Amino acid sequence: MPTLYYVHDPMCSWCYAFAPTWQRIESALPTELSVEHVLGGLAPDSDEPMPPPMRDYLQQLWRRIQTAVPGTVFNFDFWTQCTPRRSTYPACRAVLTAKHFDPTLERSMITGIQRAYYQQARNPADVDTLCAVAEDIGLEPQSFRAWLASAPCEGELARELRKTRDLGVTGFPSLILASDSGLSPVALSHTDPRITLQDLERLAAATGAGPSAAK
């Protein structure tokens, strides 16, 4: 069965903007095409406050995304109410921890992190924020916190990062189709799901990579 890999980071602002379009893409895919989320790990652990140039760059990026992807809204209070850190690995571990306790909550954890970060001006680089999100989606916070800091969770993250490298992905979000013909990057647009669906159709025709991509 061919697999469509969605490589992302829960604190990637472009991934946040892409989320509604990705949902529309997924709803149009056939059941014969397996879909798997892979965590890319945008920024490693750090306790250091984000340097001012990086803070300025990301705020400018948020403004650019709001213009490029209509309907995307960022809460800029984050930059005055929080101490930003360039660290997304904790959020990646949180997604893996939610998946460990209940695989059906993986998407809810991703959405919860994005909502906390981009809409509620809460910092997902902080474990307390991640535990609060976990409780909001129905997970027991103490068990969540314990597994989040565990060696098995760290091992899971290492495997995800290795898979991202093996897929040849260097930017997020990315879509990769794996089939008997090998790995094929899939085109995406942050606003138009047809770009991805049409490219999957093209790949299917060119490589015989499984069933038609669109229902």
N, C-alpha and C. Protein backbone atom coordinates (compact mmCIF):
# COMPACT_ATOMS: atom_id res chain seq x y z
N MET A 1 0.85 -1.20 0.00
CA MET A 1 0.00 0.00 0.00
C MET A 1 0.88 1.25 0.00
N PRO A 2 0.66 2.20 -0.92
CA PRO A 2 1.44 3.44 -0.89
C PRO A 2 1.11 4.24 0.36
N THR A 3 2.09 5.03 0.82
CA THR A 3 1.93 5.85 2.02
C THR A 3 2.24 7.30 1.70
N LEU A 4 1.38 8.19 2.13
CA LEU A 4 1.63 9.62 2.02
C LEU A 4 2.10 10.12 3.38
N TYR A 5 3.34 10.57 3.45
CA TYR A 5 3.91 11.09 4.69
C TYR A 5 3.71 12.61 4.74
N TYR A 6 3.13 13.05 5.85
CA TYR A 6 3.00 14.49 6.11
C TYR A 6 4.02 14.84 7.18
N VAL A 7 5.06 15.56 6.78
CA VAL A 7 6.16 15.89 7.69
C VAL A 7 5.94 17.32 8.19
N HIS A 8 5.93 17.47 9.50
CA HIS A 8 5.50 18.74 10.08
C HIS A 8 6.18 18.97 11.42
N ASP A 9 5.93 20.12 11.99
CA ASP A 9 6.32 20.43 13.37
C ASP A 9 5.14 21.16 14.00
N PRO A 10 4.74 20.79 15.22
CA PRO A 10 3.56 21.43 15.81
C PRO A 10 3.73 22.92 16.09
N MET A 11 4.99 23.41 16.11
CA MET A 11 5.23 24.83 16.33
C MET A 11 5.70 25.54 15.06
N CYS A 12 5.52 24.90 13.92
CA CYS A 12 5.86 25.52 12.63
C CYS A 12 4.70 26.41 12.20
N SER A 13 4.97 27.69 11.98
CA SER A 13 3.89 28.61 11.64
C SER A 13 3.29 28.32 10.26
N TRP A 14 4.10 27.86 9.32
CA TRP A 14 3.56 27.49 8.02
C TRP A 14 2.68 26.25 8.12
N CYS A 15 3.03 25.32 9.02
CA CYS A 15 2.19 24.14 9.23
C CYS A 15 0.84 24.54 9.82
N TYR A 16 0.86 25.49 10.74
CA TYR A 16 -0.38 26.00 11.33
C TYR A 16 -1.26 26.59 10.24
N ALA A 17 -0.66 27.37 9.33
CA ALA A 17 -1.44 27.98 8.25
C ALA A 17 -1.96 26.94 7.27
N PHE A 18 -1.22 25.84 7.11
CA PHE A 18 -1.58 24.80 6.16
C PHE A 18 -2.66 23.87 6.69
N ALA A 19 -2.89 23.86 8.00
CA ALA A 19 -3.77 22.88 8.64
C ALA A 19 -5.16 22.78 7.99
N PRO A 20 -5.87 23.87 7.71
CA PRO A 20 -7.19 23.73 7.09
C PRO A 20 -7.12 23.08 5.70
N THR A 21 -6.11 23.44 4.92
CA THR A 21 -5.97 22.85 3.59
C THR A 21 -5.60 21.37 3.69
N TRP A 22 -4.73 21.03 4.63
CA TRP A 22 -4.37 19.63 4.84
C TRP A 22 -5.59 18.81 5.22
N GLN A 23 -6.46 19.36 6.03
CA GLN A 23 -7.68 18.65 6.40
C GLN A 23 -8.54 18.37 5.17
N ARG A 24 -8.62 19.33 4.27
CA ARG A 24 -9.40 19.15 3.04
C ARG A 24 -8.74 18.11 2.13
N ILE A 25 -7.41 18.10 2.09
CA ILE A 25 -6.71 17.10 1.29
C ILE A 25 -7.00 15.70 1.83
N GLU A 26 -6.85 15.54 3.14
CA GLU A 26 -7.07 14.22 3.75
C GLU A 26 -8.48 13.71 3.48
N SER A 27 -9.45 14.59 3.54
CA SER A 27 -10.83 14.17 3.34
C SER A 27 -11.09 13.70 1.91
N ALA A 28 -10.20 14.08 0.98
CA ALA A 28 -10.40 13.72 -0.42
C ALA A 28 -9.55 12.52 -0.84
N LEU A 29 -8.74 11.99 0.06
CA LEU A 29 -7.88 10.86 -0.28
C LEU A 29 -8.64 9.54 -0.18
N PRO A 30 -8.30 8.56 -1.00
CA PRO A 30 -8.95 7.25 -0.93
C PRO A 30 -8.46 6.47 0.27
N THR A 31 -9.25 5.54 0.73
CA THR A 31 -8.86 4.73 1.88
C THR A 31 -7.69 3.83 1.55
N GLU A 32 -7.44 3.58 0.28
CA GLU A 32 -6.33 2.72 -0.12
C GLU A 32 -4.97 3.39 0.05
N LEU A 33 -4.97 4.69 0.28
CA LEU A 33 -3.72 5.43 0.47
C LEU A 33 -3.52 5.66 1.96
N SER A 34 -2.48 5.08 2.52
CA SER A 34 -2.17 5.25 3.93
C SER A 34 -1.57 6.63 4.17
N VAL A 35 -1.94 7.26 5.28
CA VAL A 35 -1.41 8.58 5.63
C VAL A 35 -0.70 8.49 6.98
N GLU A 36 0.49 9.04 7.06
CA GLU A 36 1.26 8.98 8.30
C GLU A 36 1.88 10.35 8.58
N HIS A 37 1.69 10.83 9.80
CA HIS A 37 2.33 12.06 10.24
C HIS A 37 3.74 11.75 10.74
N VAL A 38 4.69 12.60 10.39
CA VAL A 38 6.07 12.46 10.85
C VAL A 38 6.51 13.80 11.41
N LEU A 39 7.10 13.78 12.60
CA LEU A 39 7.56 15.00 13.26
C LEU A 39 8.96 15.36 12.77
N GLY A 40 9.10 16.59 12.29
CA GLY A 40 10.37 17.02 11.74
C GLY A 40 11.36 17.58 12.74
N GLY A 41 10.86 18.11 13.86
CA GLY A 41 11.78 18.68 14.85
C GLY A 41 12.45 19.94 14.34
N LEU A 42 11.73 21.04 14.38
CA LEU A 42 12.21 22.30 13.81
C LEU A 42 13.38 22.89 14.60
N ALA A 43 13.34 22.80 15.92
CA ALA A 43 14.39 23.42 16.74
C ALA A 43 14.62 22.59 18.00
N PRO A 44 15.88 22.26 18.31
CA PRO A 44 16.18 21.40 19.47
C PRO A 44 15.94 22.11 20.80
N ASP A 45 16.11 21.35 21.88
CA ASP A 45 15.88 21.88 23.23
C ASP A 45 16.80 23.07 23.51
N SER A 46 16.22 24.07 24.15
CA SER A 46 17.00 25.25 24.55
C SER A 46 16.27 25.97 25.67
N ASP A 47 17.04 26.38 26.69
CA ASP A 47 16.49 27.20 27.77
C ASP A 47 16.81 28.67 27.58
N GLU A 48 17.49 28.99 26.48
CA GLU A 48 17.91 30.37 26.23
C GLU A 48 16.78 31.18 25.61
N PRO A 49 16.56 32.40 26.10
CA PRO A 49 15.57 33.26 25.46
C PRO A 49 15.93 33.49 23.99
N MET A 50 14.92 33.61 23.18
CA MET A 50 15.13 33.83 21.75
C MET A 50 15.81 35.18 21.51
N PRO A 51 16.87 35.22 20.73
CA PRO A 51 17.54 36.49 20.45
C PRO A 51 16.61 37.47 19.74
N PRO A 52 16.78 38.77 19.98
CA PRO A 52 15.91 39.77 19.35
C PRO A 52 15.81 39.65 17.83
N PRO A 53 16.91 39.40 17.10
CA PRO A 53 16.75 39.27 15.64
C PRO A 53 15.80 38.13 15.23
N MET A 54 15.86 37.01 15.95
CA MET A 54 14.96 35.91 15.65
C MET A 54 13.52 36.27 16.01
N ARG A 55 13.33 36.96 17.12
CA ARG A 55 11.99 37.40 17.49
C ARG A 55 11.40 38.29 16.39
N ASP A 56 12.22 39.24 15.91
CA ASP A 56 11.76 40.15 14.85
C ASP A 56 11.43 39.38 13.58
N TYR A 57 12.31 38.44 13.23
CA TYR A 57 12.09 37.67 12.01
C TYR A 57 10.78 36.89 12.06
N LEU A 58 10.51 36.23 13.20
CA LEU A 58 9.30 35.42 13.31
C LEU A 58 8.04 36.27 13.32
N GLN A 59 8.09 37.43 13.93
CA GLN A 59 6.91 38.31 13.89
C GLN A 59 6.64 38.79 12.47
N GLN A 60 7.72 39.09 11.73
CA GLN A 60 7.54 39.46 10.33
C GLN A 60 6.99 38.29 9.53
N LEU A 61 7.46 37.07 9.85
CA LEU A 61 6.96 35.88 9.17
C LEU A 61 5.47 35.69 9.43
N TRP A 62 5.05 35.87 10.67
CA TRP A 62 3.62 35.73 11.00
C TRP A 62 2.79 36.70 10.15
N ARG A 63 3.27 37.94 10.03
CA ARG A 63 2.53 38.93 9.24
C ARG A 63 2.48 38.52 7.78
N ARG A 64 3.58 37.98 7.28
CA ARG A 64 3.63 37.55 5.88
C ARG A 64 2.67 36.38 5.65
N ILE A 65 2.60 35.46 6.60
CA ILE A 65 1.71 34.31 6.46
C ILE A 65 0.25 34.76 6.48
N GLN A 66 -0.07 35.70 7.37
CA GLN A 66 -1.45 36.20 7.43
C GLN A 66 -1.90 36.79 6.09
N THR A 67 -0.94 37.41 5.38
CA THR A 67 -1.25 37.97 4.07
C THR A 67 -1.34 36.88 3.01
N ALA A 68 -0.43 35.90 3.08
CA ALA A 68 -0.34 34.86 2.05
C ALA A 68 -1.44 33.81 2.17
N VAL A 69 -1.89 33.57 3.41
CA VAL A 69 -2.89 32.52 3.66
C VAL A 69 -4.08 33.16 4.35
N PRO A 70 -5.05 33.66 3.60
CA PRO A 70 -6.20 34.34 4.20
C PRO A 70 -6.91 33.44 5.21
N GLY A 71 -7.31 34.07 6.32
CA GLY A 71 -7.99 33.33 7.38
C GLY A 71 -7.07 32.88 8.49
N THR A 72 -5.76 32.95 8.26
CA THR A 72 -4.80 32.58 9.30
C THR A 72 -4.63 33.76 10.25
N VAL A 73 -4.80 33.50 11.56
CA VAL A 73 -4.74 34.56 12.55
C VAL A 73 -3.69 34.21 13.62
N PHE A 74 -2.81 35.16 13.91
CA PHE A 74 -1.83 35.01 14.97
C PHE A 74 -2.11 36.02 16.08
N ASN A 75 -1.88 35.61 17.32
CA ASN A 75 -2.03 36.49 18.46
C ASN A 75 -0.65 37.01 18.83
N PHE A 76 -0.36 38.25 18.48
CA PHE A 76 0.96 38.82 18.69
C PHE A 76 1.23 39.15 20.15
N ASP A 77 0.24 38.96 21.03
CA ASP A 77 0.49 39.14 22.47
C ASP A 77 1.53 38.14 22.97
N PHE A 78 1.70 37.05 22.23
CA PHE A 78 2.71 36.05 22.63
C PHE A 78 4.06 36.70 22.86
N TRP A 79 4.41 37.68 22.04
CA TRP A 79 5.76 38.25 22.08
C TRP A 79 5.97 39.17 23.26
N THR A 80 4.91 39.58 23.93
CA THR A 80 5.05 40.43 25.11
C THR A 80 4.67 39.71 26.39
N GLN A 81 3.82 38.68 26.28
CA GLN A 81 3.36 37.98 27.47
C GLN A 81 4.20 36.75 27.81
N CYS A 82 5.00 36.26 26.88
CA CYS A 82 5.81 35.06 27.09
C CYS A 82 7.29 35.39 26.90
N THR A 83 8.12 34.44 27.32
CA THR A 83 9.56 34.51 27.04
C THR A 83 9.84 33.50 25.94
N PRO A 84 9.86 33.93 24.69
CA PRO A 84 10.02 32.99 23.58
C PRO A 84 11.37 32.27 23.64
N ARG A 85 11.35 30.99 23.29
CA ARG A 85 12.57 30.21 23.15
C ARG A 85 12.51 29.46 21.83
N ARG A 86 13.65 29.35 21.19
CA ARG A 86 13.71 28.62 19.91
C ARG A 86 13.85 27.14 20.23
N SER A 87 12.73 26.50 20.58
CA SER A 87 12.75 25.11 21.05
C SER A 87 11.40 24.47 20.75
N THR A 88 11.38 23.54 19.78
CA THR A 88 10.14 22.86 19.44
C THR A 88 10.15 21.37 19.80
N TYR A 89 11.29 20.84 20.21
CA TYR A 89 11.34 19.42 20.58
C TYR A 89 10.36 19.07 21.69
N PRO A 90 10.18 19.92 22.72
CA PRO A 90 9.18 19.57 23.75
C PRO A 90 7.78 19.38 23.16
N ALA A 91 7.39 20.24 22.23
CA ALA A 91 6.07 20.10 21.60
C ALA A 91 6.00 18.82 20.77
N CYS A 92 7.10 18.48 20.10
CA CYS A 92 7.13 17.22 19.35
C CYS A 92 6.96 16.03 20.29
N ARG A 93 7.65 16.07 21.43
CA ARG A 93 7.51 14.98 22.41
C ARG A 93 6.07 14.91 22.93
N ALA A 94 5.44 16.06 23.07
CA ALA A 94 4.05 16.08 23.56
C ALA A 94 3.13 15.36 22.59
N VAL A 95 3.35 15.55 21.28
CA VAL A 95 2.53 14.85 20.29
C VAL A 95 2.75 13.34 20.40
N LEU A 96 4.01 12.94 20.56
CA LEU A 96 4.31 11.51 20.70
C LEU A 96 3.73 10.94 21.99
N THR A 97 3.72 11.74 23.04
CA THR A 97 3.18 11.28 24.32
C THR A 97 1.66 11.09 24.22
N ALA A 98 0.98 12.05 23.60
CA ALA A 98 -0.46 11.90 23.40
C ALA A 98 -0.75 10.65 22.58
N LYS A 99 0.04 10.43 21.53
CA LYS A 99 -0.13 9.25 20.68
C LYS A 99 0.12 7.96 21.46
N HIS A 100 1.07 8.02 22.39
CA HIS A 100 1.38 6.85 23.22
C HIS A 100 0.18 6.44 24.07
N PHE A 101 -0.47 7.41 24.68
CA PHE A 101 -1.60 7.10 25.56
C PHE A 101 -2.88 6.83 24.78
N ASP A 102 -3.05 7.51 23.65
CA ASP A 102 -4.28 7.33 22.85
C ASP A 102 -4.00 7.82 21.43
N PRO A 103 -3.75 6.90 20.48
CA PRO A 103 -3.42 7.32 19.12
C PRO A 103 -4.46 8.24 18.48
N THR A 104 -5.70 8.15 18.93
CA THR A 104 -6.73 8.99 18.34
C THR A 104 -6.60 10.46 18.77
N LEU A 105 -5.73 10.72 19.77
CA LEU A 105 -5.56 12.09 20.26
C LEU A 105 -4.35 12.79 19.66
N GLU A 106 -3.66 12.14 18.73
CA GLU A 106 -2.49 12.77 18.10
C GLU A 106 -2.88 14.10 17.44
N ARG A 107 -3.93 14.08 16.64
CA ARG A 107 -4.35 15.29 15.94
C ARG A 107 -4.83 16.35 16.93
N SER A 108 -5.53 15.91 17.98
CA SER A 108 -6.02 16.86 18.97
C SER A 108 -4.88 17.56 19.68
N MET A 109 -3.79 16.83 19.93
CA MET A 109 -2.64 17.44 20.59
C MET A 109 -1.98 18.45 19.67
N ILE A 110 -1.84 18.12 18.41
CA ILE A 110 -1.26 19.06 17.45
C ILE A 110 -2.09 20.34 17.40
N THR A 111 -3.40 20.17 17.27
CA THR A 111 -4.30 21.33 17.20
C THR A 111 -4.25 22.12 18.50
N GLY A 112 -4.20 21.42 19.64
CA GLY A 112 -4.15 22.09 20.93
C GLY A 112 -2.89 22.92 21.10
N ILE A 113 -1.77 22.38 20.65
CA ILE A 113 -0.50 23.12 20.73
C ILE A 113 -0.57 24.36 19.85
N GLN A 114 -1.07 24.20 18.64
CA GLN A 114 -1.17 25.35 17.74
C GLN A 114 -2.12 26.41 18.29
N ARG A 115 -3.22 25.98 18.87
CA ARG A 115 -4.17 26.94 19.44
C ARG A 115 -3.52 27.69 20.61
N ALA A 116 -2.83 26.95 21.48
CA ALA A 116 -2.18 27.59 22.63
C ALA A 116 -1.15 28.61 22.18
N TYR A 117 -0.34 28.23 21.21
CA TYR A 117 0.76 29.07 20.76
C TYR A 117 0.27 30.28 19.97
N TYR A 118 -0.49 30.01 18.93
CA TYR A 118 -0.79 31.06 17.97
C TYR A 118 -2.03 31.87 18.28
N GLN A 119 -2.95 31.31 19.08
CA GLN A 119 -4.19 32.02 19.36
C GLN A 119 -4.31 32.48 20.80
N GLN A 120 -3.69 31.75 21.73
CA GLN A 120 -3.87 32.05 23.15
C GLN A 120 -2.63 32.64 23.81
N ALA A 121 -1.56 32.84 23.05
CA ALA A 121 -0.32 33.43 23.55
C ALA A 121 0.25 32.66 24.74
N ARG A 122 0.21 31.32 24.63
CA ARG A 122 0.83 30.46 25.63
C ARG A 122 2.02 29.77 24.98
N ASN A 123 3.05 29.46 25.77
CA ASN A 123 4.31 29.00 25.20
C ASN A 123 4.43 27.47 25.22
N PRO A 124 4.35 26.80 24.06
CA PRO A 124 4.47 25.35 24.03
C PRO A 124 5.90 24.84 24.21
N ALA A 125 6.86 25.75 24.33
CA ALA A 125 8.20 25.33 24.70
C ALA A 125 8.27 25.01 26.19
N ASP A 126 7.23 25.39 26.94
CA ASP A 126 7.16 25.14 28.39
C ASP A 126 6.35 23.86 28.66
N VAL A 127 6.91 23.00 29.48
CA VAL A 127 6.25 21.73 29.80
C VAL A 127 4.89 21.97 30.46
N ASP A 128 4.79 22.98 31.30
CA ASP A 128 3.51 23.24 31.97
C ASP A 128 2.40 23.54 30.95
N THR A 129 2.74 24.28 29.91
CA THR A 129 1.76 24.56 28.86
C THR A 129 1.33 23.27 28.17
N LEU A 130 2.29 22.42 27.86
CA LEU A 130 1.99 21.15 27.18
C LEU A 130 1.12 20.25 28.04
N CYS A 131 1.39 20.22 29.33
CA CYS A 131 0.58 19.40 30.24
C CYS A 131 -0.84 19.95 30.34
N ALA A 132 -0.97 21.26 30.32
CA ALA A 132 -2.31 21.86 30.36
C ALA A 132 -3.09 21.52 29.09
N VAL A 133 -2.42 21.56 27.94
CA VAL A 133 -3.07 21.17 26.70
C VAL A 133 -3.48 19.71 26.75
N ALA A 134 -2.59 18.86 27.28
CA ALA A 134 -2.91 17.43 27.40
C ALA A 134 -4.15 17.22 28.25
N GLU A 135 -4.25 17.94 29.36
CA GLU A 135 -5.43 17.81 30.21
C GLU A 135 -6.68 18.29 29.49
N ASP A 136 -6.53 19.36 28.69
CA ASP A 136 -7.67 19.89 27.94
C ASP A 136 -8.24 18.86 26.96
N ILE A 137 -7.38 17.98 26.42
CA ILE A 137 -7.87 17.00 25.44
C ILE A 137 -8.20 15.66 26.08
N GLY A 138 -8.15 15.61 27.43
CA GLY A 138 -8.62 14.42 28.13
C GLY A 138 -7.55 13.48 28.65
N LEU A 139 -6.28 13.90 28.63
CA LEU A 139 -5.21 13.05 29.16
C LEU A 139 -4.92 13.41 30.62
N GLU A 140 -4.47 12.42 31.37
CA GLU A 140 -4.14 12.63 32.79
C GLU A 140 -2.79 13.33 32.85
N PRO A 141 -2.72 14.54 33.41
CA PRO A 141 -1.51 15.37 33.30
C PRO A 141 -0.26 14.79 33.96
N GLN A 142 -0.40 14.11 35.10
CA GLN A 142 0.80 13.59 35.76
C GLN A 142 1.41 12.45 34.96
N SER A 143 0.59 11.57 34.45
CA SER A 143 1.10 10.48 33.61
C SER A 143 1.69 11.03 32.32
N PHE A 144 1.04 12.04 31.78
CA PHE A 144 1.54 12.68 30.57
C PHE A 144 2.91 13.28 30.82
N ARG A 145 3.06 14.01 31.91
CA ARG A 145 4.34 14.67 32.24
C ARG A 145 5.45 13.63 32.41
N ALA A 146 5.13 12.51 33.05
CA ALA A 146 6.14 11.49 33.31
C ALA A 146 6.62 10.87 32.00
N TRP A 147 5.70 10.54 31.10
CA TRP A 147 6.12 9.89 29.85
C TRP A 147 6.81 10.89 28.92
N LEU A 148 6.41 12.16 29.01
CA LEU A 148 7.03 13.21 28.21
C LEU A 148 8.53 13.29 28.48
N ALA A 149 8.93 13.04 29.73
CA ALA A 149 10.34 13.16 30.12
C ALA A 149 11.07 11.82 30.09
N SER A 150 10.44 10.78 29.59
CA SER A 150 11.00 9.44 29.68
C SER A 150 11.96 9.13 28.54
N ALA A 151 12.81 8.14 28.77
CA ALA A 151 13.73 7.66 27.73
C ALA A 151 12.98 7.08 26.53
N PRO A 152 11.90 6.30 26.73
CA PRO A 152 11.16 5.82 25.56
C PRO A 152 10.63 6.94 24.67
N CYS A 153 10.18 8.02 25.28
CA CYS A 153 9.69 9.15 24.49
C CYS A 153 10.83 9.77 23.69
N GLU A 154 11.98 9.89 24.33
CA GLU A 154 13.15 10.44 23.64
C GLU A 154 13.56 9.54 22.47
N GLY A 155 13.46 8.23 22.69
CA GLY A 155 13.75 7.30 21.61
C GLY A 155 12.79 7.43 20.44
N GLU A 156 11.50 7.64 20.76
CA GLU A 156 10.51 7.83 19.71
C GLU A 156 10.81 9.09 18.89
N LEU A 157 11.20 10.17 19.59
CA LEU A 157 11.53 11.40 18.88
C LEU A 157 12.73 11.19 17.97
N ALA A 158 13.74 10.49 18.47
CA ALA A 158 14.93 10.22 17.65
C ALA A 158 14.55 9.44 16.38
N ARG A 159 13.63 8.50 16.51
CA ARG A 159 13.20 7.73 15.34
C ARG A 159 12.44 8.62 14.35
N GLU A 160 11.62 9.53 14.87
CA GLU A 160 10.90 10.44 13.98
C GLU A 160 11.87 11.35 13.21
N LEU A 161 12.86 11.87 13.91
CA LEU A 161 13.82 12.75 13.26
C LEU A 161 14.64 11.99 12.22
N ARG A 162 14.96 10.75 12.53
CA ARG A 162 15.70 9.92 11.58
C ARG A 162 14.84 9.64 10.34
N LYS A 163 13.55 9.40 10.55
CA LYS A 163 12.66 9.16 9.41
C LYS A 163 12.58 10.41 8.53
N THR A 164 12.52 11.58 9.15
CA THR A 164 12.49 12.83 8.38
C THR A 164 13.73 12.94 7.51
N ARG A 165 14.89 12.62 8.08
CA ARG A 165 16.12 12.66 7.29
C ARG A 165 16.08 11.63 6.16
N ASP A 166 15.60 10.43 6.46
CA ASP A 166 15.53 9.38 5.44
C ASP A 166 14.60 9.76 4.30
N LEU A 167 13.57 10.54 4.61
CA LEU A 167 12.63 10.99 3.58
C LEU A 167 13.20 12.15 2.75
N GLY A 168 14.33 12.70 3.21
CA GLY A 168 14.96 13.79 2.48
C GLY A 168 14.30 15.13 2.68
N VAL A 169 13.56 15.28 3.77
CA VAL A 169 12.81 16.52 4.02
C VAL A 169 13.68 17.52 4.77
N THR A 170 13.67 18.77 4.32
CA THR A 170 14.42 19.83 4.99
C THR A 170 13.54 21.02 5.36
N GLY A 171 12.28 21.04 4.92
CA GLY A 171 11.38 22.14 5.25
C GLY A 171 10.00 21.62 5.57
N PHE A 172 9.24 22.41 6.34
CA PHE A 172 7.92 21.99 6.79
C PHE A 172 6.88 23.04 6.40
N PRO A 173 5.66 22.59 6.06
CA PRO A 173 5.25 21.19 5.91
C PRO A 173 5.74 20.61 4.60
N SER A 174 5.91 19.29 4.56
CA SER A 174 6.28 18.60 3.33
C SER A 174 5.42 17.34 3.19
N LEU A 175 5.17 16.97 1.95
CA LEU A 175 4.44 15.75 1.64
C LEU A 175 5.33 14.85 0.78
N ILE A 176 5.45 13.59 1.19
CA ILE A 176 6.26 12.62 0.46
C ILE A 176 5.42 11.37 0.23
N LEU A 177 5.36 10.93 -1.03
CA LEU A 177 4.66 9.70 -1.36
C LEU A 177 5.68 8.57 -1.45
N ALA A 178 5.45 7.52 -0.66
CA ALA A 178 6.29 6.32 -0.70
C ALA A 178 5.52 5.19 -1.36
N SER A 179 6.13 4.61 -2.38
CA SER A 179 5.49 3.51 -3.11
C SER A 179 6.56 2.54 -3.57
N ASP A 180 6.16 1.55 -4.32
CA ASP A 180 7.12 0.59 -4.86
C ASP A 180 8.13 1.26 -5.78
N SER A 181 7.77 2.43 -6.29
CA SER A 181 8.67 3.17 -7.17
C SER A 181 9.67 4.03 -6.41
N GLY A 182 9.54 4.10 -5.08
CA GLY A 182 10.46 4.91 -4.27
C GLY A 182 9.74 6.07 -3.62
N LEU A 183 10.51 7.10 -3.29
CA LEU A 183 10.00 8.29 -2.62
C LEU A 183 9.83 9.42 -3.63
N SER A 184 8.68 10.09 -3.56
CA SER A 184 8.39 11.19 -4.48
C SER A 184 7.85 12.38 -3.71
N PRO A 185 8.51 13.55 -3.78
CA PRO A 185 7.93 14.75 -3.18
C PRO A 185 6.60 15.09 -3.85
N VAL A 186 5.67 15.57 -3.06
CA VAL A 186 4.34 15.92 -3.57
C VAL A 186 4.15 17.42 -3.42
N ALA A 187 3.67 18.06 -4.47
CA ALA A 187 3.46 19.50 -4.44
C ALA A 187 2.36 19.86 -3.45
N LEU A 188 2.47 21.04 -2.86
CA LEU A 188 1.40 21.53 -1.98
C LEU A 188 1.27 23.04 -2.11
N SER A 189 0.06 23.47 -1.85
CA SER A 189 -0.27 24.89 -1.76
C SER A 189 -0.93 25.09 -0.41
N HIS A 190 -0.62 26.19 0.25
CA HIS A 190 -1.22 26.45 1.55
C HIS A 190 -2.69 26.84 1.46
N THR A 191 -3.16 27.11 0.26
CA THR A 191 -4.54 27.57 0.10
C THR A 191 -5.38 26.72 -0.84
N ASP A 192 -4.75 25.85 -1.63
CA ASP A 192 -5.49 25.11 -2.66
C ASP A 192 -5.19 23.62 -2.57
N PRO A 193 -6.11 22.82 -2.04
CA PRO A 193 -5.86 21.38 -1.93
C PRO A 193 -5.73 20.69 -3.28
N ARG A 194 -6.26 21.31 -4.34
CA ARG A 194 -6.21 20.67 -5.66
C ARG A 194 -4.77 20.49 -6.13
N ILE A 195 -3.86 21.34 -5.70
CA ILE A 195 -2.46 21.23 -6.12
C ILE A 195 -1.90 19.88 -5.69
N THR A 196 -2.15 19.50 -4.44
CA THR A 196 -1.66 18.21 -3.94
C THR A 196 -2.40 17.05 -4.59
N LEU A 197 -3.71 17.15 -4.68
CA LEU A 197 -4.50 16.05 -5.24
C LEU A 197 -4.16 15.80 -6.70
N GLN A 198 -3.94 16.86 -7.45
CA GLN A 198 -3.57 16.70 -8.85
C GLN A 198 -2.17 16.11 -8.99
N ASP A 199 -1.26 16.50 -8.10
CA ASP A 199 0.09 15.95 -8.17
C ASP A 199 0.10 14.47 -7.80
N LEU A 200 -0.73 14.09 -6.86
CA LEU A 200 -0.85 12.67 -6.53
C LEU A 200 -1.41 11.88 -7.72
N GLU A 201 -2.35 12.47 -8.43
CA GLU A 201 -2.88 11.83 -9.63
C GLU A 201 -1.76 11.65 -10.67
N ARG A 202 -0.95 12.68 -10.83
CA ARG A 202 0.15 12.62 -11.79
C ARG A 202 1.14 11.53 -11.40
N LEU A 203 1.48 11.46 -10.12
CA LEU A 203 2.43 10.46 -9.66
C LEU A 203 1.87 9.06 -9.84
N ALA A 204 0.58 8.89 -9.57
CA ALA A 204 -0.04 7.59 -9.74
C ALA A 204 0.02 7.13 -11.20
N ALA A 205 -0.22 8.08 -12.10
CA ALA A 205 -0.19 7.75 -13.52
C ALA A 205 1.22 7.46 -14.01
N ALA A 206 2.21 8.23 -13.46
CA ALA A 206 3.57 8.11 -13.95
C ALA A 206 4.31 6.91 -13.38
N THR A 207 3.98 6.56 -12.14
CA THR A 207 4.77 5.53 -11.46
C THR A 207 3.96 4.29 -11.10
N GLY A 208 2.64 4.37 -11.28
CA GLY A 208 1.82 3.25 -10.83
C GLY A 208 1.80 3.14 -9.33
N ALA A 209 1.87 4.30 -8.65
CA ALA A 209 1.99 4.33 -7.19
C ALA A 209 0.62 4.17 -6.53
N GLY A 210 -0.06 3.09 -6.85
CA GLY A 210 -1.29 2.81 -6.14
C GLY A 210 -2.49 3.46 -6.79
N PRO A 211 -3.58 3.60 -6.05
CA PRO A 211 -4.87 4.04 -6.59
C PRO A 211 -4.89 5.53 -6.86
N SER A 212 -5.89 5.94 -7.56
CA SER A 212 -6.10 7.36 -7.82
C SER A 212 -6.13 8.12 -6.51
N ALA A 213 -5.52 9.31 -6.49
CA ALA A 213 -5.36 10.05 -5.24
C ALA A 213 -6.63 10.73 -4.79
N ALA A 214 -7.50 11.07 -5.69
CA ALA A 214 -8.71 11.79 -5.31
C ALA A 214 -9.93 10.91 -5.44
N LYS A 215 -10.87 11.07 -4.51
CA LYS A 215 -12.12 10.31 -4.57
C LYS A 215 -12.98 10.81 -5.72
